[in-house]
Amino acid sequence: MDQLEKPVKYIYQIRSRNGVIVSNLQIYGRTEEEARQKLEQMYRNCEVIDSGIAPVEHSGHFSCEDIMDIISKD
C-alpha cells in the first residue's frame, strides 16, 4: 500500500447486535478493509446492511495558485 494514499470516508448502515439499525456511520480508512476493521471495533458483531464511499470533499489545503486566485479576486 502506498504510504501517501489518502484516507477515504466510507459510509455504513448496520444492524447492531441488539437489533438497532444505525445509518450514516462515516469511517475513514485507507482501504475498505481498514474501515471495516474500525467499524467492527466500535460495533462488535454488527451486520453490515449497506456500505458506500462518501463524496470527496475539499481537504482545506490550498495551493499557492489557489491563494493567489482568492487574493486577486478581491
C-alpha atoms as a PDB file:
ATOM      1  CA  MET A   1       0.000   0.000   0.000  1.00  0.00           C
ATOM      2  CA  ASP A   2       1.238   3.465  -0.872  1.00  0.00           C
ATOM      3  CA  GLN A   3       2.049   5.417   2.302  1.00  0.00           C
ATOM      4  CA  LEU A   4       0.903   8.645   0.635  1.00  0.00           C
ATOM      5  CA  GLU A   5      -2.531   7.203  -0.075  1.00  0.00           C
ATOM      6  CA  LYS A   6      -5.217   9.449   1.405  1.00  0.00           C
ATOM      7  CA  PRO A   7      -7.933   8.015   3.628  1.00  0.00           C
ATOM      8  CA  VAL A   8     -11.375   7.704   2.109  1.00  0.00           C
ATOM      9  CA  LYS A   9     -14.606   8.172   4.046  1.00  0.00           C
ATOM     10  CA  TYR A  10     -16.777   5.042   3.940  1.00  0.00           C
ATOM     11  CA  ILE A  11     -20.454   5.219   4.878  1.00  0.00           C
ATOM     12  CA  TYR A  12     -22.220   2.276   6.514  1.00  0.00           C
ATOM     13  CA  GLN A  13     -25.690   1.265   7.556  1.00  0.00           C
ATOM     14  CA  ILE A  14     -25.566  -1.515  10.139  1.00  0.00           C
ATOM     15  CA  ARG A  15     -27.724  -3.590  12.428  1.00  0.00           C
ATOM     16  CA  SER A  16     -26.144  -3.669  15.874  1.00  0.00           C
ATOM     17  CA  ARG A  17     -26.008  -6.890  17.862  1.00  0.00           C
ATOM     18  CA  ASN A  18     -29.150  -5.828  19.777  1.00  0.00           C
ATOM     19  CA  GLY A  19     -31.065  -5.242  16.523  1.00  0.00           C
ATOM     20  CA  VAL A  20     -30.945  -1.449  16.283  1.00  0.00           C
ATOM     21  CA  ILE A  21     -30.333  -0.091  12.785  1.00  0.00           C
ATOM     22  CA  VAL A  22     -27.706   2.641  12.664  1.00  0.00           C
ATOM     23  CA  SER A  23     -27.445   4.688   9.470  1.00  0.00           C
ATOM     24  CA  ASN A  24     -24.877   7.088   8.071  1.00  0.00           C
ATOM     25  CA  LEU A  25     -21.874   5.825  10.023  1.00  0.00           C
ATOM     26  CA  GLN A  26     -18.885   7.541   8.428  1.00  0.00           C
ATOM     27  CA  ILE A  27     -15.473   5.982   8.954  1.00  0.00           C
ATOM     28  CA  TYR A  28     -12.147   6.930   7.390  1.00  0.00           C
ATOM     29  CA  GLY A  29      -9.825   4.245   6.071  1.00  0.00           C
ATOM     30  CA  ARG A  30      -7.053   3.917   3.521  1.00  0.00           C
ATOM     31  CA  THR A  31      -8.875   0.788   2.304  1.00  0.00           C
ATOM     32  CA  GLU A  32     -12.375  -0.561   2.821  1.00  0.00           C
ATOM     33  CA  GLU A  33     -10.879  -3.402   4.856  1.00  0.00           C
ATOM     34  CA  GLU A  34      -9.296  -0.912   7.261  1.00  0.00           C
ATOM     35  CA  ALA A  35     -12.600   0.977   7.611  1.00  0.00           C
ATOM     36  CA  ARG A  36     -14.482  -2.286   8.298  1.00  0.00           C
ATOM     37  CA  GLN A  37     -11.949  -3.226  10.973  1.00  0.00           C
ATOM     38  CA  LYS A  38     -12.566   0.118  12.676  1.00  0.00           C
ATOM     39  CA  LEU A  39     -16.313  -0.455  12.359  1.00  0.00           C
ATOM     40  CA  GLU A  40     -16.022  -3.896  13.984  1.00  0.00           C
ATOM     41  CA  GLN A  41     -14.006  -2.399  16.858  1.00  0.00           C
ATOM     42  CA  MET A  42     -16.779   0.104  17.563  1.00  0.00           C
ATOM     43  CA  TYR A  43     -19.778  -2.150  16.853  1.00  0.00           C
ATOM     44  CA  ARG A  44     -18.803  -5.725  17.695  1.00  0.00           C
ATOM     45  CA  ASN A  45     -20.833  -8.450  15.976  1.00  0.00           C
ATOM     46  CA  CYS A  46     -22.789  -5.979  13.848  1.00  0.00           C
ATOM     47  CA  GLU A  47     -24.318  -6.834  10.483  1.00  0.00           C
ATOM     48  CA  VAL A  48     -23.436  -4.501   7.600  1.00  0.00           C
ATOM     49  CA  ILE A  49     -26.660  -3.777   5.712  1.00  0.00           C
ATOM     50  CA  ASP A  50     -25.252  -1.287   3.209  1.00  0.00           C
ATOM     51  CA  SER A  51     -21.962   0.450   2.507  1.00  0.00           C
ATOM     52  CA  GLY A  52     -20.609   3.060   0.156  1.00  0.00           C
ATOM     53  CA  ILE A  53     -17.997   5.739  -0.340  1.00  0.00           C
ATOM     54  CA  ALA A  54     -18.688   9.337   0.653  1.00  0.00           C
ATOM     55  CA  PRO A  55     -18.247  12.051  -1.950  1.00  0.00           C
ATOM     56  CA  VAL A  56     -14.762  13.556  -1.922  1.00  0.00           C
ATOM     57  CA  GLU A  57     -14.634  16.823  -0.011  1.00  0.00           C
ATOM     58  CA  HIS A  58     -12.079  19.571  -0.351  1.00  0.00           C
ATOM     59  CA  SER A  59      -9.331  18.925   2.188  1.00  0.00           C
ATOM     60  CA  GLY A  60      -8.995  22.555   3.238  1.00  0.00           C
ATOM     61  CA  HIS A  61      -5.457  22.728   1.892  1.00  0.00           C
ATOM     62  CA  PHE A  62      -4.826  25.352  -0.718  1.00  0.00           C
ATOM     63  CA  SER A  63      -2.025  25.619  -3.233  1.00  0.00           C
ATOM     64  CA  CYS A  64      -0.182  28.874  -3.817  1.00  0.00           C
ATOM     65  CA  GLU A  65      -2.182  29.280  -7.017  1.00  0.00           C
ATOM     66  CA  ASP A  66      -5.479  28.897  -5.113  1.00  0.00           C
ATOM     67  CA  ILE A  67      -4.441  31.589  -2.629  1.00  0.00           C
ATOM     68  CA  MET A  68      -3.298  33.952  -5.383  1.00  0.00           C
ATOM     69  CA  ASP A  69      -6.643  33.458  -7.168  1.00  0.00           C
ATOM     70  CA  ILE A  70      -8.524  34.338  -3.984  1.00  0.00           C
ATOM     71  CA  ILE A  71      -6.395  37.422  -3.328  1.00  0.00           C
ATOM     72  CA  SER A  72      -6.640  38.678  -6.917  1.00  0.00           C
ATOM     73  CA  LYS A  73     -10.464  38.422  -6.901  1.00  0.00           C
ATOM     74  CA  ASP A  74     -10.779  40.970  -4.057  1.00  0.00           C
END
